[in-house]
Amino acid sequence: MCPEAPLDLSGKTVLLTGASSGIGRACAQTFAGLGARVGMVARNEERLAATAESLVGQGHAWWSFDLANTVVIPDAMSLWRDELGAFDGLVHCAGVQSTRPVRMESRKSMETMFSVNVYAAMQLSASLFAQKAANASGGGIVLVSSAAALMGGKGIACYSASKGALLSLARSMAIELADRSWRVNAVAPG
């Protein structure tokens, strides 16, 4: 851990989705730099391996996994827990975005976007507790939303709706999980 770090995550384990690029990769590197052991999930195996190689510290793990396949998330969570132990945190950075006018939006595109952006977040959170993968003494969940959830824009109606759903999901889960000493927050980059 770097001496000027504002937070010490030594001994903590974080499950992070979308770790192969962008905000997810930066989060993985930051968590590892703060001393956490990081379990990383993303679709692109090559970029995910590159992220893993860029991390300081040891004990990290990564799994190539398509979060659109929400049905198998509970089984995957059990495997991830078996490999890394209980998680102290879950950060859902994975997301799908497409730009197209409402009149051109298809059901398939909407389902894909909501599967990764919203349903995966819900299933990951549910599985964290159902599969006994959550640290019993407490932890935190962070859902990465977007400024688009708050202000919208041309060609991003479905994306904005999915990211808005994450804000509502965070509010409800925060109330539900508070008695377990788990915090839930959403951040809206942009």
C-alpha atoms as a PDB file:
ATOM      1  CA  MET A   1       0.000   0.000   0.000  1.00  0.00           C
ATOM      2  CA  CYS A   2       1.288   3.480  -0.790  1.00  0.00           C
ATOM      3  CA  PRO A   3       2.045   5.583   2.332  1.00  0.00           C
ATOM      4  CA  GLU A   4      -0.088   8.564   1.248  1.00  0.00           C
ATOM      5  CA  ALA A   5      -3.171   6.387   0.655  1.00  0.00           C
ATOM      6  CA  PRO A   6      -6.343   7.846   2.184  1.00  0.00           C
ATOM      7  CA  LEU A   7      -7.724   4.414   3.002  1.00  0.00           C
ATOM      8  CA  ASP A   8      -6.288   1.074   4.048  1.00  0.00           C
ATOM      9  CA  LEU A   9      -8.060  -1.899   2.488  1.00  0.00           C
ATOM     10  CA  SER A  10      -5.522  -4.484   3.653  1.00  0.00           C
ATOM     11  CA  GLY A  11      -7.262  -7.753   4.434  1.00  0.00           C
ATOM     12  CA  LYS A  12     -10.370  -6.773   2.448  1.00  0.00           C
ATOM     13  CA  THR A  13     -11.668  -8.577  -0.641  1.00  0.00           C
ATOM     14  CA  VAL A  14     -13.615  -6.750  -3.339  1.00  0.00           C
ATOM     15  CA  LEU A  15     -15.589  -8.230  -6.242  1.00  0.00           C
ATOM     16  CA  LEU A  16     -15.460  -5.880  -9.217  1.00  0.00           C
ATOM     17  CA  THR A  17     -17.308  -6.159 -12.531  1.00  0.00           C
ATOM     18  CA  GLY A  18     -16.237  -4.463 -15.750  1.00  0.00           C
ATOM     19  CA  ALA A  19     -12.585  -4.700 -14.712  1.00  0.00           C
ATOM     20  CA  SER A  20     -11.207  -5.059 -18.234  1.00  0.00           C
ATOM     21  CA  SER A  21     -11.348  -1.348 -19.106  1.00  0.00           C
ATOM     22  CA  GLY A  22     -12.293   2.182 -18.125  1.00  0.00           C
ATOM     23  CA  ILE A  23     -13.668   2.873 -14.662  1.00  0.00           C
ATOM     24  CA  GLY A  24     -13.583  -0.825 -13.751  1.00  0.00           C
ATOM     25  CA  ARG A  25      -9.882  -1.168 -14.564  1.00  0.00           C
ATOM     26  CA  ALA A  26      -9.078   2.034 -12.656  1.00  0.00           C
ATOM     27  CA  CYS A  27     -11.058   0.760  -9.643  1.00  0.00           C
ATOM     28  CA  ALA A  28      -9.207  -2.577  -9.698  1.00  0.00           C
ATOM     29  CA  GLN A  29      -5.849  -0.804  -9.749  1.00  0.00           C
ATOM     30  CA  THR A  30      -6.905   1.586  -6.979  1.00  0.00           C
ATOM     31  CA  PHE A  31      -8.282  -1.163  -4.715  1.00  0.00           C
ATOM     32  CA  ALA A  32      -5.134  -3.255  -5.177  1.00  0.00           C
ATOM     33  CA  GLY A  33      -3.007  -0.179  -4.477  1.00  0.00           C
ATOM     34  CA  LEU A  34      -4.910   0.316  -1.226  1.00  0.00           C
ATOM     35  CA  GLY A  35      -4.132  -3.252  -0.186  1.00  0.00           C
ATOM     36  CA  ALA A  36      -7.324  -5.106  -1.136  1.00  0.00           C
ATOM     37  CA  ARG A  37      -7.479  -8.466  -2.808  1.00  0.00           C
ATOM     38  CA  VAL A  38      -9.520  -8.006  -5.983  1.00  0.00           C
ATOM     39  CA  GLY A  39     -11.789 -10.486  -7.756  1.00  0.00           C
ATOM     40  CA  MET A  40     -12.370  -9.190 -11.289  1.00  0.00           C
ATOM     41  CA  VAL A  41     -15.134 -10.075 -13.724  1.00  0.00           C
ATOM     42  CA  ALA A  42     -15.449  -9.023 -17.375  1.00  0.00           C
ATOM     43  CA  ARG A  43     -16.174 -10.513 -20.785  1.00  0.00           C
ATOM     44  CA  ASN A  44     -12.896  -9.752 -22.551  1.00  0.00           C
ATOM     45  CA  GLU A  45     -10.397 -12.323 -21.301  1.00  0.00           C
ATOM     46  CA  GLU A  46      -7.346 -10.698 -22.887  1.00  0.00           C
ATOM     47  CA  ARG A  47      -7.999  -7.232 -21.459  1.00  0.00           C
ATOM     48  CA  LEU A  48      -8.989  -8.731 -18.107  1.00  0.00           C
ATOM     49  CA  ALA A  49      -5.679 -10.599 -17.927  1.00  0.00           C
ATOM     50  CA  ALA A  50      -3.877  -7.333 -18.731  1.00  0.00           C
ATOM     51  CA  THR A  51      -5.702  -5.610 -15.871  1.00  0.00           C
ATOM     52  CA  ALA A  52      -4.764  -8.442 -13.518  1.00  0.00           C
ATOM     53  CA  GLU A  53      -1.104  -8.147 -14.527  1.00  0.00           C
ATOM     54  CA  SER A  54      -1.164  -4.407 -13.817  1.00  0.00           C
ATOM     55  CA  LEU A  55      -2.199  -4.876 -10.177  1.00  0.00           C
ATOM     56  CA  VAL A  56       0.139  -4.592  -7.229  1.00  0.00           C
ATOM     57  CA  GLY A  57      -0.064  -7.163  -4.484  1.00  0.00           C
ATOM     58  CA  GLN A  58      -1.007 -10.811  -4.593  1.00  0.00           C
ATOM     59  CA  GLY A  59      -4.037 -13.048  -4.260  1.00  0.00           C
ATOM     60  CA  HIS A  60      -6.107 -11.358  -6.953  1.00  0.00           C
ATOM     61  CA  ALA A  61      -8.309 -13.453  -9.234  1.00  0.00           C
ATOM     62  CA  TRP A  62     -10.181 -12.888 -12.458  1.00  0.00           C
ATOM     63  CA  TRP A  63     -12.927 -14.639 -14.317  1.00  0.00           C
ATOM     64  CA  SER A  64     -14.067 -14.144 -17.888  1.00  0.00           C
ATOM     65  CA  PHE A  65     -17.848 -14.010 -17.562  1.00  0.00           C
ATOM     66  CA  ASP A  66     -20.744 -12.500 -19.505  1.00  0.00           C
ATOM     67  CA  LEU A  67     -22.986 -10.744 -16.993  1.00  0.00           C
ATOM     68  CA  ALA A  68     -25.847 -10.725 -19.508  1.00  0.00           C
ATOM     69  CA  ASN A  69     -26.264 -14.388 -18.568  1.00  0.00           C
ATOM     70  CA  THR A  70     -27.836 -13.501 -15.220  1.00  0.00           C
ATOM     71  CA  VAL A  71     -29.281 -16.984 -14.669  1.00  0.00           C
ATOM     72  CA  VAL A  72     -25.863 -18.452 -13.833  1.00  0.00           C
ATOM     73  CA  ILE A  73     -24.672 -15.604 -11.578  1.00  0.00           C
ATOM     74  CA  PRO A  74     -25.614 -17.493  -8.361  1.00  0.00           C
ATOM     75  CA  ASP A  75     -23.467 -20.478  -9.382  1.00  0.00           C
ATOM     76  CA  ALA A  76     -20.638 -18.174 -10.418  1.00  0.00           C
ATOM     77  CA  MET A  77     -20.843 -16.344  -7.101  1.00  0.00           C
ATOM     78  CA  SER A  78     -20.393 -19.647  -5.269  1.00  0.00           C
ATOM     79  CA  LEU A  79     -17.277 -20.397  -7.311  1.00  0.00           C
ATOM     80  CA  TRP A  80     -15.862 -16.906  -6.772  1.00  0.00           C
ATOM     81  CA  ARG A  81     -16.524 -17.190  -3.020  1.00  0.00           C
ATOM     82  CA  ASP A  82     -14.858 -20.601  -2.919  1.00  0.00           C
ATOM     83  CA  GLU A  83     -11.760 -19.141  -4.557  1.00  0.00           C
ATOM     84  CA  LEU A  84     -11.433 -15.834  -2.664  1.00  0.00           C
ATOM     85  CA  GLY A  85     -13.566 -16.226   0.455  1.00  0.00           C
ATOM     86  CA  ALA A  86     -16.222 -13.796   1.630  1.00  0.00           C
ATOM     87  CA  PHE A  87     -16.352 -10.416  -0.064  1.00  0.00           C
ATOM     88  CA  ASP A  88     -16.197  -7.138   1.816  1.00  0.00           C
ATOM     89  CA  GLY A  89     -17.359  -5.191  -1.197  1.00  0.00           C
ATOM     90  CA  LEU A  90     -19.052  -5.409  -4.568  1.00  0.00           C
ATOM     91  CA  VAL A  91     -18.555  -2.768  -7.237  1.00  0.00           C
ATOM     92  CA  HIS A  92     -20.669  -3.095 -10.384  1.00  0.00           C
ATOM     93  CA  CYS A  93     -18.880  -1.110 -13.105  1.00  0.00           C
ATOM     94  CA  ALA A  94     -19.865  -3.324 -16.034  1.00  0.00           C
ATOM     95  CA  GLY A  95     -22.242  -1.643 -18.407  1.00  0.00           C
ATOM     96  CA  VAL A  96     -23.567  -1.655 -21.930  1.00  0.00           C
ATOM     97  CA  GLN A  97     -24.338   1.518 -23.839  1.00  0.00           C
ATOM     98  CA  SER A  98     -25.656   2.111 -27.316  1.00  0.00           C
ATOM     99  CA  THR A  99     -26.690   5.295 -28.992  1.00  0.00           C
ATOM    100  CA  ARG A 100     -29.828   5.125 -31.092  1.00  0.00           C
ATOM    101  CA  PRO A 101     -33.024   7.121 -31.369  1.00  0.00           C
ATOM    102  CA  VAL A 102     -36.058   5.795 -29.504  1.00  0.00           C
ATOM    103  CA  ARG A 103     -37.794   4.999 -32.791  1.00  0.00           C
ATOM    104  CA  MET A 104     -34.946   2.586 -33.657  1.00  0.00           C
ATOM    105  CA  GLU A 105     -34.624   0.896 -30.270  1.00  0.00           C
ATOM    106  CA  SER A 106     -35.212  -2.864 -30.411  1.00  0.00           C
ATOM    107  CA  ARG A 107     -36.398  -5.176 -27.690  1.00  0.00           C
ATOM    108  CA  LYS A 108     -33.202  -7.232 -28.018  1.00  0.00           C
ATOM    109  CA  SER A 109     -31.015  -4.163 -27.521  1.00  0.00           C
ATOM    110  CA  MET A 110     -33.085  -3.041 -24.538  1.00  0.00           C
ATOM    111  CA  GLU A 111     -32.936  -6.502 -22.961  1.00  0.00           C
ATOM    112  CA  THR A 112     -29.150  -6.674 -23.384  1.00  0.00           C
ATOM    113  CA  MET A 113     -28.663  -3.239 -21.854  1.00  0.00           C
ATOM    114  CA  PHE A 114     -30.946  -3.914 -18.889  1.00  0.00           C
ATOM    115  CA  SER A 115     -29.489  -7.414 -18.390  1.00  0.00           C
ATOM    116  CA  VAL A 116     -25.957  -6.124 -17.871  1.00  0.00           C
ATOM    117  CA  ASN A 117     -26.679  -2.708 -16.367  1.00  0.00           C
ATOM    118  CA  VAL A 118     -29.549  -3.570 -14.011  1.00  0.00           C
ATOM    119  CA  TYR A 119     -30.430  -7.254 -13.769  1.00  0.00           C
ATOM    120  CA  ALA A 120     -26.785  -8.269 -13.255  1.00  0.00           C
ATOM    121  CA  ALA A 121     -26.451  -5.697 -10.458  1.00  0.00           C
ATOM    122  CA  MET A 122     -29.559  -7.092  -8.776  1.00  0.00           C
ATOM    123  CA  GLN A 123     -28.511 -10.722  -9.219  1.00  0.00           C
ATOM    124  CA  LEU A 124     -24.937 -10.078  -8.060  1.00  0.00           C
ATOM    125  CA  SER A 125     -26.231  -8.346  -4.941  1.00  0.00           C
ATOM    126  CA  ALA A 126     -28.804 -11.050  -4.238  1.00  0.00           C
ATOM    127  CA  SER A 127     -26.272 -13.830  -4.817  1.00  0.00           C
ATOM    128  CA  LEU A 128     -23.727 -12.144  -2.584  1.00  0.00           C
ATOM    129  CA  PHE A 129     -26.048 -12.858   0.343  1.00  0.00           C
ATOM    130  CA  ALA A 130     -27.878 -15.970  -0.891  1.00  0.00           C
ATOM    131  CA  GLN A 131     -24.598 -17.787  -1.608  1.00  0.00           C
ATOM    132  CA  LYS A 132     -23.084 -16.656   1.716  1.00  0.00           C
ATOM    133  CA  ALA A 133     -20.393 -14.725  -0.155  1.00  0.00           C
ATOM    134  CA  ALA A 134     -20.888 -11.492   1.818  1.00  0.00           C
ATOM    135  CA  ASN A 135     -18.740 -10.745   4.843  1.00  0.00           C
ATOM    136  CA  ALA A 136     -21.107 -11.222   7.779  1.00  0.00           C
ATOM    137  CA  SER A 137     -19.614  -8.288   9.682  1.00  0.00           C
ATOM    138  CA  GLY A 138     -20.546  -5.779   6.966  1.00  0.00           C
ATOM    139  CA  GLY A 139     -19.313  -4.225   3.777  1.00  0.00           C
ATOM    140  CA  GLY A 140     -20.313  -2.072   0.869  1.00  0.00           C
ATOM    141  CA  ILE A 141     -21.894  -2.212  -2.558  1.00  0.00           C
ATOM    142  CA  VAL A 142     -21.288   0.473  -5.168  1.00  0.00           C
ATOM    143  CA  LEU A 143     -23.348   0.608  -8.357  1.00  0.00           C
ATOM    144  CA  VAL A 144     -21.890   2.717 -11.140  1.00  0.00           C
ATOM    145  CA  SER A 145     -24.732   4.675 -12.689  1.00  0.00           C
ATOM    146  CA  SER A 146     -24.265   7.701 -14.951  1.00  0.00           C
ATOM    147  CA  ALA A 147     -25.079  11.394 -15.144  1.00  0.00           C
ATOM    148  CA  ALA A 148     -27.324  10.285 -18.030  1.00  0.00           C
ATOM    149  CA  ALA A 149     -29.651   8.824 -15.380  1.00  0.00           C
ATOM    150  CA  LEU A 150     -30.246  12.341 -14.094  1.00  0.00           C
ATOM    151  CA  MET A 151     -30.344  14.415 -17.258  1.00  0.00           C
ATOM    152  CA  GLY A 152     -30.847  12.142 -20.262  1.00  0.00           C
ATOM    153  CA  GLY A 153     -29.960  13.069 -23.798  1.00  0.00           C
ATOM    154  CA  LYS A 154     -30.669  12.368 -27.442  1.00  0.00           C
ATOM    155  CA  GLY A 155     -30.205   8.775 -28.502  1.00  0.00           C
ATOM    156  CA  ILE A 156     -29.624   7.392 -25.004  1.00  0.00           C
ATOM    157  CA  ALA A 157     -33.136   6.856 -23.654  1.00  0.00           C
ATOM    158  CA  CYS A 158     -32.662   3.154 -22.905  1.00  0.00           C
ATOM    159  CA  TYR A 159     -29.205   3.683 -21.406  1.00  0.00           C
ATOM    160  CA  SER A 160     -30.518   6.561 -19.266  1.00  0.00           C
ATOM    161  CA  ALA A 161     -33.432   4.416 -18.092  1.00  0.00           C
ATOM    162  CA  SER A 162     -31.139   1.533 -17.135  1.00  0.00           C
ATOM    163  CA  LYS A 163     -28.778   3.798 -15.212  1.00  0.00           C
ATOM    164  CA  GLY A 164     -31.753   5.489 -13.514  1.00  0.00           C
ATOM    165  CA  ALA A 165     -32.914   2.059 -12.398  1.00  0.00           C
ATOM    166  CA  LEU A 166     -29.554   1.598 -10.660  1.00  0.00           C
ATOM    167  CA  LEU A 167     -30.167   4.747  -8.621  1.00  0.00           C
ATOM    168  CA  SER A 168     -33.520   3.391  -7.428  1.00  0.00           C
ATOM    169  CA  LEU A 169     -32.022  -0.031  -6.797  1.00  0.00           C
ATOM    170  CA  ALA A 170     -29.292   1.501  -4.620  1.00  0.00           C
ATOM    171  CA  ARG A 171     -31.822   3.455  -2.562  1.00  0.00           C
ATOM    172  CA  SER A 172     -33.934   0.381  -1.812  1.00  0.00           C
ATOM    173  CA  MET A 173     -31.018  -1.961  -1.173  1.00  0.00           C
ATOM    174  CA  ALA A 174     -29.421   0.595   1.174  1.00  0.00           C
ATOM    175  CA  ILE A 175     -32.508   0.455   3.375  1.00  0.00           C
ATOM    176  CA  GLU A 176     -32.838  -3.322   3.149  1.00  0.00           C
ATOM    177  CA  LEU A 177     -29.184  -4.133   3.868  1.00  0.00           C
ATOM    178  CA  ALA A 178     -28.514  -1.542   6.563  1.00  0.00           C
ATOM    179  CA  ASP A 179     -29.392  -3.977   9.352  1.00  0.00           C
ATOM    180  CA  ARG A 180     -26.665  -6.299   7.998  1.00  0.00           C
ATOM    181  CA  SER A 181     -24.128  -3.444   8.247  1.00  0.00           C
ATOM    182  CA  TRP A 182     -23.823  -3.253   4.471  1.00  0.00           C
ATOM    183  CA  ARG A 183     -23.779   0.174   2.816  1.00  0.00           C
ATOM    184  CA  VAL A 184     -25.122   0.628  -0.709  1.00  0.00           C
ATOM    185  CA  ASN A 185     -24.273   3.618  -2.858  1.00  0.00           C
ATOM    186  CA  ALA A 186     -24.588   4.609  -6.476  1.00  0.00           C
ATOM    187  CA  VAL A 187     -22.209   6.981  -8.217  1.00  0.00           C
ATOM    188  CA  ALA A 188     -23.077   8.870 -11.395  1.00  0.00           C
ATOM    189  CA  PRO A 189     -19.918   9.689 -13.395  1.00  0.00           C
ATOM    190  CA  GLY A 190     -20.183  12.278 -16.134  1.00  0.00           C
END
